[in-house]
């Protein structure tokens, strides 16, 4: 996988991290749920980056 595709995956997962983090905080009112949400996104992004050819 070339570097531009890796950067694209990080951008595509970075935008939901910022916007989704705000939405999660709005609904739950705690940073603990935001951290859990961010960790789930990080695991998904790393899975995409490491398993792609």
PDB file of N, CA and C in Angstrom:
ATOM      1  N   UNK A   1       0.853  -1.160   0.000  1.00  0.00           N
ATOM      2  CA  UNK A   1       0.000   0.000   0.000  1.00  0.00           C
ATOM      3  C   UNK A   1       0.907   1.233   0.000  1.00  0.00           C
ATOM      4  N   UNK A   2       0.587   2.179  -0.859  1.00  0.00           N
ATOM      5  CA  UNK A   2       1.414   3.371  -0.945  1.00  0.00           C
ATOM      6  C   UNK A   2       1.053   4.379   0.141  1.00  0.00           C
ATOM      7  N   UNK A   3       1.906   5.369   0.294  1.00  0.00           N
ATOM      8  CA  UNK A   3       1.772   6.339   1.377  1.00  0.00           C
ATOM      9  C   UNK A   3       0.519   7.197   1.226  1.00  0.00           C
ATOM     10  N   UNK A   4       0.127   7.507  -0.001  1.00  0.00           N
ATOM     11  CA  UNK A   4      -1.053   8.345  -0.190  1.00  0.00           C
ATOM     12  C   UNK A   4      -2.322   7.624   0.263  1.00  0.00           C
ATOM     13  N   UNK A   5      -2.372   6.323   0.050  1.00  0.00           N
ATOM     14  CA  UNK A   5      -3.539   5.561   0.509  1.00  0.00           C
ATOM     15  C   UNK A   5      -3.576   5.491   2.036  1.00  0.00           C
ATOM     16  N   UNK A   6      -2.417   5.324   2.661  1.00  0.00           N
ATOM     17  CA  UNK A   6      -2.346   5.305   4.128  1.00  0.00           C
ATOM     18  C   UNK A   6      -2.781   6.650   4.709  1.00  0.00           C
ATOM     19  N   UNK A   7      -2.331   7.726   4.110  1.00  0.00           N
ATOM     20  CA  UNK A   7      -2.735   9.056   4.578  1.00  0.00           C
ATOM     21  C   UNK A   7      -4.227   9.277   4.374  1.00  0.00           C
ATOM     22  N   UNK A   8      -4.766   8.785   3.273  1.00  0.00           N
ATOM     23  CA  UNK A   8      -6.199   8.888   3.025  1.00  0.00           C
ATOM     24  C   UNK A   8      -7.013   8.153   4.070  1.00  0.00           C
ATOM     25  N   UNK A   9      -6.561   6.966   4.459  1.00  0.00           N
ATOM     26  CA  UNK A   9      -7.259   6.211   5.503  1.00  0.00           C
ATOM     27  C   UNK A   9      -7.214   6.972   6.821  1.00  0.00           C
ATOM     28  N   UNK A  10      -6.085   7.575   7.139  1.00  0.00           N
ATOM     29  CA  UNK A  10      -5.981   8.328   8.388  1.00  0.00           C
ATOM     30  C   UNK A  10      -6.888   9.562   8.377  1.00  0.00           C
ATOM     31  N   UNK A  11      -7.022  10.221   7.228  1.00  0.00           N
ATOM     32  CA  UNK A  11      -7.913  11.379   7.132  1.00  0.00           C
ATOM     33  C   UNK A  11      -9.367  10.940   7.282  1.00  0.00           C
ATOM     34  N   UNK A  12      -9.711   9.842   6.604  1.00  0.00           N
ATOM     35  CA  UNK A  12     -11.095   9.357   6.649  1.00  0.00           C
ATOM     36  C   UNK A  12     -11.473   8.922   8.060  1.00  0.00           C
ATOM     37  N   UNK A  13     -10.540   8.397   8.829  1.00  0.00           N
ATOM     38  CA  UNK A  13     -10.842   8.033  10.218  1.00  0.00           C
ATOM     39  C   UNK A  13     -10.630   9.199  11.173  1.00  0.00           C
ATOM     40  N   UNK A  14      -9.872  10.204  10.771  1.00  0.00           N
ATOM     41  CA  UNK A  14      -9.633  11.361  11.635  1.00  0.00           C
ATOM     42  C   UNK A  14     -10.826  12.294  11.733  1.00  0.00           C
ATOM     43  N   UNK A  15     -11.536  12.457  10.641  1.00  0.00           N
ATOM     44  CA  UNK A  15     -12.715  13.332  10.653  1.00  0.00           C
ATOM     45  C   UNK A  15     -13.808  12.789  11.579  1.00  0.00           C
ATOM     46  N   UNK A  16     -14.154  11.488  11.498  1.00  0.00           N
ATOM     47  CA  UNK A  16     -15.139  10.976  12.458  1.00  0.00           C
ATOM     48  C   UNK A  16     -14.648  11.026  13.903  1.00  0.00           C
ATOM     49  N   UNK A  17     -13.346  10.972  14.094  1.00  0.00           N
ATOM     50  CA  UNK A  17     -12.817  11.058  15.452  1.00  0.00           C
ATOM     51  C   UNK A  17     -13.109  12.427  16.058  1.00  0.00           C
ATOM     52  N   UNK A  18     -12.953  13.466  15.278  1.00  0.00           N
ATOM     53  CA  UNK A  18     -13.183  14.825  15.782  1.00  0.00           C
ATOM     54  C   UNK A  18     -14.675  15.097  15.931  1.00  0.00           C
ATOM     55  N   UNK A  19     -15.421  14.861  14.876  1.00  0.00           N
ATOM     56  CA  UNK A  19     -16.859  15.145  14.895  1.00  0.00           C
ATOM     57  C   UNK A  19     -17.588  14.172  15.816  1.00  0.00           C
ATOM     58  N   UNK A  20     -17.269  12.889  15.681  1.00  0.00           N
ATOM     59  CA  UNK A  20     -17.916  11.872  16.499  1.00  0.00           C
ATOM     60  C   UNK A  20     -17.600  12.025  17.974  1.00  0.00           C
ATOM     61  N   UNK A  21     -16.387  12.452  18.285  1.00  0.00           N
ATOM     62  CA  UNK A  21     -16.031  12.693  19.678  1.00  0.00           C
ATOM     63  C   UNK A  21     -16.903  13.768  20.305  1.00  0.00           C
ATOM     64  N   UNK A  22     -17.181  14.803  19.556  1.00  0.00           N
ATOM     65  CA  UNK A  22     -18.073  15.856  20.041  1.00  0.00           C
ATOM     66  C   UNK A  22     -19.495  15.365  20.235  1.00  0.00           C
ATOM     67  N   UNK A  23     -19.948  14.546  19.320  1.00  0.00           N
ATOM     68  CA  UNK A  23     -21.311  14.006  19.428  1.00  0.00           C
ATOM     69  C   UNK A  23     -21.420  13.062  20.622  1.00  0.00           C
ATOM     70  N   UNK A  24     -20.408  12.213  20.794  1.00  0.00           N
ATOM     71  CA  UNK A  24     -20.418  11.291  21.936  1.00  0.00           C
ATOM     72  C   UNK A  24     -20.400  12.081  23.241  1.00  0.00           C
ATOM     73  N   UNK A  25     -19.589  13.133  23.315  1.00  0.00           N
ATOM     74  CA  UNK A  25     -19.553  13.946  24.533  1.00  0.00           C
ATOM     75  C   UNK A  25     -20.893  14.636  24.775  1.00  0.00           C
ATOM     76  N   UNK A  26     -21.540  15.079  23.725  1.00  0.00           N
ATOM     77  CA  UNK A  26     -22.842  15.742  23.871  1.00  0.00           C
ATOM     78  C   UNK A  26     -23.879  14.787  24.465  1.00  0.00           C
ATOM     79  N   UNK A  27     -23.896  13.553  23.983  1.00  0.00           N
ATOM     80  CA  UNK A  27     -24.904  12.605  24.461  1.00  0.00           C
ATOM     81  C   UNK A  27     -24.596  12.041  25.843  1.00  0.00           C
ATOM     82  N   UNK A  28     -23.324  11.779  26.136  1.00  0.00           N
ATOM     83  CA  UNK A  28     -22.986  11.137  27.401  1.00  0.00           C
ATOM     84  C   UNK A  28     -22.452  12.104  28.455  1.00  0.00           C
ATOM     85  N   UNK A  29     -21.884  13.225  28.034  1.00  0.00           N
ATOM     86  CA  UNK A  29     -21.418  14.234  28.973  1.00  0.00           C
ATOM     87  C   UNK A  29     -20.183  13.841  29.763  1.00  0.00           C
ATOM     88  N   UNK A  30     -19.413  12.884  29.264  1.00  0.00           N
ATOM     89  CA  UNK A  30     -18.222  12.439  29.972  1.00  0.00           C
ATOM     90  C   UNK A  30     -17.126  12.127  28.959  1.00  0.00           C
ATOM     91  N   UNK A  31     -15.896  12.405  29.359  1.00  0.00           N
ATOM     92  CA  UNK A  31     -14.786  12.132  28.461  1.00  0.00           C
ATOM     93  C   UNK A  31     -14.404  10.661  28.429  1.00  0.00           C
ATOM     94  N   UNK A  32     -14.851   9.876  29.400  1.00  0.00           N
ATOM     95  CA  UNK A  32     -14.549   8.451  29.396  1.00  0.00           C
ATOM     96  C   UNK A  32     -15.129   7.772  28.156  1.00  0.00           C
ATOM     97  N   UNK A  33     -16.371   8.085  27.821  1.00  0.00           N
ATOM     98  CA  UNK A  33     -16.985   7.500  26.630  1.00  0.00           C
ATOM     99  C   UNK A  33     -16.306   7.994  25.359  1.00  0.00           C
ATOM    100  N   UNK A  34     -15.832   9.228  25.369  1.00  0.00           N
ATOM    101  CA  UNK A  34     -15.122   9.763  24.205  1.00  0.00           C
ATOM    102  C   UNK A  34     -13.812   9.011  24.008  1.00  0.00           C
ATOM    103  N   UNK A  35     -13.108   8.737  25.096  1.00  0.00           N
ATOM    104  CA  UNK A  35     -11.846   8.002  25.007  1.00  0.00           C
ATOM    105  C   UNK A  35     -12.093   6.594  24.473  1.00  0.00           C
ATOM    106  N   UNK A  36     -13.151   5.942  24.947  1.00  0.00           N
ATOM    107  CA  UNK A  36     -13.484   4.605  24.449  1.00  0.00           C
ATOM    108  C   UNK A  36     -13.794   4.662  22.956  1.00  0.00           C
ATOM    109  N   UNK A  37     -14.559   5.660  22.536  1.00  0.00           N
ATOM    110  CA  UNK A  37     -14.897   5.833  21.116  1.00  0.00           C
ATOM    111  C   UNK A  37     -13.629   6.048  20.280  1.00  0.00           C
ATOM    112  N   UNK A  38     -12.715   6.872  20.772  1.00  0.00           N
ATOM    113  CA  UNK A  38     -11.482   7.151  20.046  1.00  0.00           C
ATOM    114  C   UNK A  38     -10.611   5.906  19.953  1.00  0.00           C
ATOM    115  N   UNK A  39     -10.571   5.104  21.003  1.00  0.00           N
ATOM    116  CA  UNK A  39      -9.778   3.875  20.980  1.00  0.00           C
ATOM    117  C   UNK A  39     -10.347   2.893  19.962  1.00  0.00           C
ATOM    118  N   UNK A  40     -11.679   2.799  19.898  1.00  0.00           N
ATOM    119  CA  UNK A  40     -12.305   1.913  18.908  1.00  0.00           C
ATOM    120  C   UNK A  40     -11.954   2.366  17.494  1.00  0.00           C
ATOM    121  N   UNK A  41     -11.994   3.670  17.242  1.00  0.00           N
ATOM    122  CA  UNK A  41     -11.619   4.179  15.916  1.00  0.00           C
ATOM    123  C   UNK A  41     -10.138   3.930  15.621  1.00  0.00           C
ATOM    124  N   UNK A  42      -9.293   4.070  16.624  1.00  0.00           N
ATOM    125  CA  UNK A  42      -7.868   3.837  16.431  1.00  0.00           C
ATOM    126  C   UNK A  42      -7.597   2.382  16.079  1.00  0.00           C
ATOM    127  N   UNK A  43      -8.258   1.466  16.768  1.00  0.00           N
ATOM    128  CA  UNK A  43      -8.093   0.043  16.471  1.00  0.00           C
ATOM    129  C   UNK A  43      -8.572  -0.264  15.051  1.00  0.00           C
ATOM    130  N   UNK A  44      -9.686   0.326  14.649  1.00  0.00           N
ATOM    131  CA  UNK A  44     -10.192   0.110  13.294  1.00  0.00           C
ATOM    132  C   UNK A  44      -9.226   0.664  12.245  1.00  0.00           C
ATOM    133  N   UNK A  45      -8.672   1.848  12.491  1.00  0.00           N
ATOM    134  CA  UNK A  45      -7.740   2.447  11.536  1.00  0.00           C
ATOM    135  C   UNK A  45      -6.461   1.629  11.440  1.00  0.00           C
ATOM    136  N   UNK A  46      -5.948   1.183  12.565  1.00  0.00           N
ATOM    137  CA  UNK A  46      -4.740   0.357  12.538  1.00  0.00           C
ATOM    138  C   UNK A  46      -5.001  -0.974  11.848  1.00  0.00           C
ATOM    139  N   UNK A  47      -6.190  -1.517  12.043  1.00  0.00           N
ATOM    140  CA  UNK A  47      -6.547  -2.751  11.353  1.00  0.00           C
ATOM    141  C   UNK A  47      -6.587  -2.563   9.854  1.00  0.00           C
ATOM    142  N   UNK A  48      -7.115  -1.445   9.405  1.00  0.00           N
ATOM    143  CA  UNK A  48      -7.137  -1.168   7.964  1.00  0.00           C
ATOM    144  C   UNK A  48      -5.731  -0.978   7.406  1.00  0.00           C
ATOM    145  N   UNK A  49      -4.896  -0.313   8.161  1.00  0.00           N
ATOM    146  CA  UNK A  49      -3.547  -0.031   7.677  1.00  0.00           C
ATOM    147  C   UNK A  49      -2.661  -1.272   7.660  1.00  0.00           C
ATOM    148  N   UNK A  50      -2.815  -2.150   8.631  1.00  0.00           N
ATOM    149  CA  UNK A  50      -1.915  -3.300   8.704  1.00  0.00           C
ATOM    150  C   UNK A  50      -2.371  -4.484   7.862  1.00  0.00           C
ATOM    151  N   UNK A  51      -3.663  -4.619   7.607  1.00  0.00           N
ATOM    152  CA  UNK A  51      -4.153  -5.765   6.861  1.00  0.00           C
ATOM    153  C   UNK A  51      -4.270  -5.532   5.368  1.00  0.00           C
ATOM    154  N   UNK A  52      -4.063  -4.320   4.914  1.00  0.00           N
ATOM    155  CA  UNK A  52      -4.159  -4.038   3.494  1.00  0.00           C
ATOM    156  C   UNK A  52      -2.831  -4.357   2.792  1.00  0.00           C
ATOM    157  N   UNK A  53      -2.931  -4.768   1.549  1.00  0.00           N
ATOM    158  CA  UNK A  53      -1.714  -5.108   0.786  1.00  0.00           C
ATOM    159  C   UNK A  53      -1.194  -3.925   0.023  1.00  0.00           C
TER     160      UNK A  53
END
